[in-house]
Amino acid sequence: MRSASESRRTNETDVSVSLTLDGTGRATVATGIGFLDHMLELLARHALFDLDVKVTGDLHVDHHHTTEDAGIALGTAFARALGDKRGVARYASVDLPMDETLTRVALDLSGRAFLVFRTTFPTEKIGVFDTQLVREFFQAFAMNAGITLHVETVYGDNSHHIAESCFKGLARALRAAVAIDGREGDRIPSTKGAL
């Protein structure tokens, strides 16, 4: 079973994450931010990961530290659960439609952390959640997961749909990339012999 747990405690947040890559999509999430909880729940559901996330953060300041630190801890747990990446598909890309929105997510479980995020939001907030924090989460996750991640919203008018298409696209791409490729066998999918 490919799984890992991660704890992160700072003066701003206290985060605990448990992740199982070969799960059923079950999620228990409590960050104190309703919209972020929703995004993490659908990430687990569409990736078919089992995910437990609990964050106590300085929400009296804003949602930034809680969102970023959740991404850091989840990315770290993901990297640990993935291990040496033997037999995985490695690459994946998904075009994810969400009503009027279309977002493309492409990724490589390369071990080289990089984010290209070409997504803009027509509003500054979704409810009380700052839309700029969607990128902050993706940045924190990609850097700590050690993946190359490209996210581009081709078009879209509704901020909620845009954010949701980004998270669902990430979920579906991760699901495909971590899948075990029967033809790969026990090899690491790189000519270098390591990722």
Protein backbone atom coordinates (compact mmCIF):
# COMPACT_ATOMS: atom_id res chain seq x y z
CA MET A 1 0.00 0.00 0.00
CA ARG A 2 1.49 3.33 -1.07
CA SER A 3 0.71 5.63 1.84
CA ALA A 4 2.31 8.24 4.07
CA SER A 5 1.53 10.66 6.85
CA GLU A 6 2.96 14.12 7.36
CA SER A 7 2.78 16.62 10.22
CA ARG A 8 3.83 20.24 10.00
CA ARG A 9 3.73 22.67 12.90
CA THR A 10 4.72 26.32 12.74
CA ASN A 11 3.75 29.45 14.64
CA GLU A 12 1.03 29.93 12.00
CA THR A 13 -0.42 26.44 11.46
CA ASP A 14 -0.62 22.91 12.78
CA VAL A 15 -1.19 20.47 9.90
CA SER A 16 -1.59 16.70 9.77
CA VAL A 17 -2.10 14.75 6.55
CA SER A 18 -2.54 11.04 5.88
CA LEU A 19 -2.60 9.90 2.26
CA THR A 20 -3.11 6.55 0.54
CA LEU A 21 -2.58 6.59 -3.22
CA ASP A 22 -4.32 3.27 -3.86
CA GLY A 23 -7.55 4.23 -2.15
CA THR A 24 -11.23 4.62 -2.91
CA GLY A 25 -11.63 8.40 -2.85
CA ARG A 26 -12.57 8.67 0.82
CA ALA A 27 -11.76 12.03 2.42
CA THR A 28 -11.99 13.53 5.89
CA VAL A 29 -10.95 17.16 5.66
CA ALA A 30 -11.11 19.94 8.25
CA THR A 31 -9.05 23.04 7.46
CA GLY A 32 -11.44 25.66 8.84
CA ILE A 33 -11.89 26.95 5.27
CA GLY A 34 -15.05 25.58 3.69
CA PHE A 35 -14.00 26.12 0.08
CA LEU A 36 -10.57 24.52 0.60
CA ASP A 37 -12.23 21.55 2.31
CA HIS A 38 -14.47 21.16 -0.75
CA MET A 39 -11.49 21.28 -3.15
CA LEU A 40 -9.49 18.71 -1.15
CA GLU A 41 -12.49 16.39 -0.88
CA LEU A 42 -13.01 16.42 -4.64
CA LEU A 43 -9.26 16.01 -5.20
CA ALA A 44 -9.37 12.79 -3.17
CA ARG A 45 -12.55 11.59 -4.86
CA HIS A 46 -11.35 12.10 -8.42
CA ALA A 47 -7.80 10.85 -7.78
CA LEU A 48 -9.18 7.83 -5.87
CA PHE A 49 -6.83 8.70 -3.02
CA ASP A 50 -7.82 8.23 0.61
CA LEU A 51 -7.08 11.49 2.37
CA ASP A 52 -7.26 12.81 5.91
CA VAL A 53 -6.36 16.47 6.44
CA LYS A 54 -6.63 18.47 9.65
CA VAL A 55 -5.38 22.03 9.91
CA THR A 56 -5.54 24.51 12.73
CA GLY A 57 -4.37 27.84 11.33
CA ASP A 58 -4.26 31.56 11.93
CA LEU A 59 -7.54 32.20 10.15
CA HIS A 60 -7.93 35.44 12.11
CA VAL A 61 -5.13 36.76 9.86
CA ASP A 62 -6.37 35.31 6.54
CA HIS A 63 -6.51 31.99 4.68
CA HIS A 64 -3.03 32.16 3.16
CA HIS A 65 -0.95 30.23 5.69
CA THR A 66 -3.55 27.50 6.14
CA THR A 67 -3.90 26.98 2.37
CA GLU A 68 -0.18 27.05 1.66
CA ASP A 69 0.78 24.78 4.56
CA ALA A 70 -1.92 22.27 3.61
CA GLY A 71 -0.34 22.17 0.13
CA ILE A 72 3.15 21.74 1.60
CA ALA A 73 2.12 18.86 3.86
CA LEU A 74 0.05 17.15 1.16
CA GLY A 75 2.90 17.46 -1.35
CA THR A 76 5.40 16.02 1.13
CA ALA A 77 3.08 13.10 1.97
CA PHE A 78 2.51 12.48 -1.75
CA ALA A 79 6.27 12.29 -2.46
CA ARG A 80 6.80 9.88 0.43
CA ALA A 81 3.83 7.69 -0.55
CA LEU A 82 5.07 7.48 -4.13
CA GLY A 83 8.48 6.22 -3.07
CA ASP A 84 11.00 5.51 -5.83
CA LYS A 85 8.22 5.49 -8.50
CA ARG A 86 8.89 1.99 -9.77
CA GLY A 87 6.38 0.91 -12.39
CA VAL A 88 4.33 4.12 -12.47
CA ALA A 89 2.99 5.68 -15.67
CA ARG A 90 4.83 8.91 -14.69
CA TYR A 91 3.26 11.31 -17.21
CA ALA A 92 -0.36 12.34 -17.54
CA SER A 93 -2.48 15.12 -18.97
CA VAL A 94 -6.17 15.84 -18.70
CA ASP A 95 -8.54 18.33 -20.33
CA LEU A 96 -11.15 18.90 -17.64
CA PRO A 97 -14.47 20.53 -18.57
CA MET A 98 -16.60 22.14 -15.86
CA ASP A 99 -19.68 23.67 -17.44
CA GLU A 100 -18.41 26.75 -19.37
CA THR A 101 -14.82 26.21 -18.19
CA LEU A 102 -12.05 24.10 -19.69
CA THR A 103 -8.77 23.54 -17.84
CA ARG A 104 -5.79 21.54 -19.05
CA VAL A 105 -3.50 19.88 -16.49
CA ALA A 106 -0.31 18.10 -17.50
CA LEU A 107 2.25 16.66 -15.12
CA ASP A 108 5.41 14.63 -14.80
CA LEU A 109 6.40 12.79 -11.62
CA SER A 110 9.94 13.83 -12.48
CA GLY A 111 11.39 14.73 -9.10
CA ARG A 112 11.99 18.19 -10.58
CA ALA A 113 9.61 20.63 -8.94
CA PHE A 114 8.17 23.20 -11.33
CA LEU A 115 4.84 24.96 -11.74
CA VAL A 116 3.39 26.76 -14.73
CA PHE A 117 0.00 28.20 -13.71
CA ARG A 118 -1.85 30.03 -16.48
CA THR A 119 -5.20 30.54 -14.87
CA THR A 120 -6.96 33.80 -14.08
CA PHE A 121 -10.14 34.39 -12.12
CA PRO A 122 -12.81 36.96 -12.97
CA THR A 123 -13.40 37.64 -9.26
CA GLU A 124 -11.06 38.14 -6.31
CA LYS A 125 -13.08 35.89 -4.04
CA ILE A 126 -15.14 32.70 -4.09
CA GLY A 127 -17.32 33.32 -1.07
CA VAL A 128 -14.69 34.42 1.47
CA PHE A 129 -11.82 32.49 -0.18
CA ASP A 130 -9.20 34.53 -2.07
CA THR A 131 -8.91 33.16 -5.59
CA GLN A 132 -5.17 33.95 -5.65
CA LEU A 133 -4.73 31.19 -3.06
CA VAL A 134 -5.56 28.53 -5.65
CA ARG A 135 -2.17 29.18 -7.23
CA GLU A 136 -0.51 29.25 -3.80
CA PHE A 137 -1.86 25.78 -3.05
CA PHE A 138 -0.69 24.40 -6.41
CA GLN A 139 2.75 25.98 -5.94
CA ALA A 140 3.16 24.51 -2.46
CA PHE A 141 1.94 21.09 -3.57
CA ALA A 142 4.12 20.88 -6.70
CA MET A 143 7.29 22.06 -4.97
CA ASN A 144 6.94 19.58 -2.11
CA ALA A 145 5.66 16.68 -4.22
CA GLY A 146 8.62 17.13 -6.58
CA ILE A 147 6.49 17.18 -9.71
CA THR A 148 6.49 19.25 -12.86
CA LEU A 149 2.96 20.64 -13.08
CA HIS A 150 1.32 22.72 -15.81
CA VAL A 151 -2.17 24.13 -15.26
CA GLU A 152 -3.88 26.25 -17.90
CA THR A 153 -7.47 27.36 -17.99
CA VAL A 154 -8.25 27.68 -21.68
CA TYR A 155 -11.51 29.53 -21.01
CA GLY A 156 -14.03 30.05 -18.24
CA ASP A 157 -16.30 32.69 -16.73
CA ASN A 158 -17.18 31.44 -13.25
CA SER A 159 -14.48 31.56 -10.56
CA HIS A 160 -15.87 28.55 -8.69
CA HIS A 161 -15.91 26.47 -11.88
CA ILE A 162 -12.38 27.58 -12.77
CA ALA A 163 -10.99 26.59 -9.36
CA GLU A 164 -12.89 23.31 -9.35
CA SER A 165 -11.67 22.42 -12.84
CA CYS A 166 -8.07 23.02 -11.70
CA PHE A 167 -8.41 20.72 -8.69
CA LYS A 168 -10.34 18.04 -10.56
CA GLY A 169 -7.84 18.20 -13.42
CA LEU A 170 -4.97 17.77 -10.96
CA ALA A 171 -6.79 14.83 -9.37
CA ARG A 172 -7.42 13.03 -12.65
CA ALA A 173 -3.86 13.63 -13.89
CA LEU A 174 -2.36 12.38 -10.60
CA ARG A 175 -4.60 9.31 -10.74
CA ALA A 176 -3.30 8.46 -14.22
CA ALA A 177 0.36 9.27 -13.48
CA VAL A 178 0.62 7.19 -10.29
CA ALA A 179 -1.12 4.19 -11.90
CA ILE A 180 1.07 1.11 -12.18
CA ASP A 181 1.94 0.39 -15.80
CA GLY A 182 2.01 -3.39 -16.26
CA ARG A 183 4.42 -3.10 -19.20
CA GLU A 184 6.87 -1.09 -17.08
CA GLY A 185 7.23 -3.91 -14.59
CA ASP A 186 9.44 -3.08 -11.63
CA ARG A 187 11.50 -0.50 -13.54
CA ILE A 188 11.77 3.18 -12.80
CA PRO A 189 10.30 5.00 -15.85
CA SER A 190 13.45 6.88 -16.82
CA THR A 191 16.57 6.15 -18.86
CA LYS A 192 18.51 7.58 -15.90
CA GLY A 193 17.30 4.73 -13.68
CA ALA A 194 16.12 7.18 -11.02
CA LEU A 195 13.53 9.93 -10.66
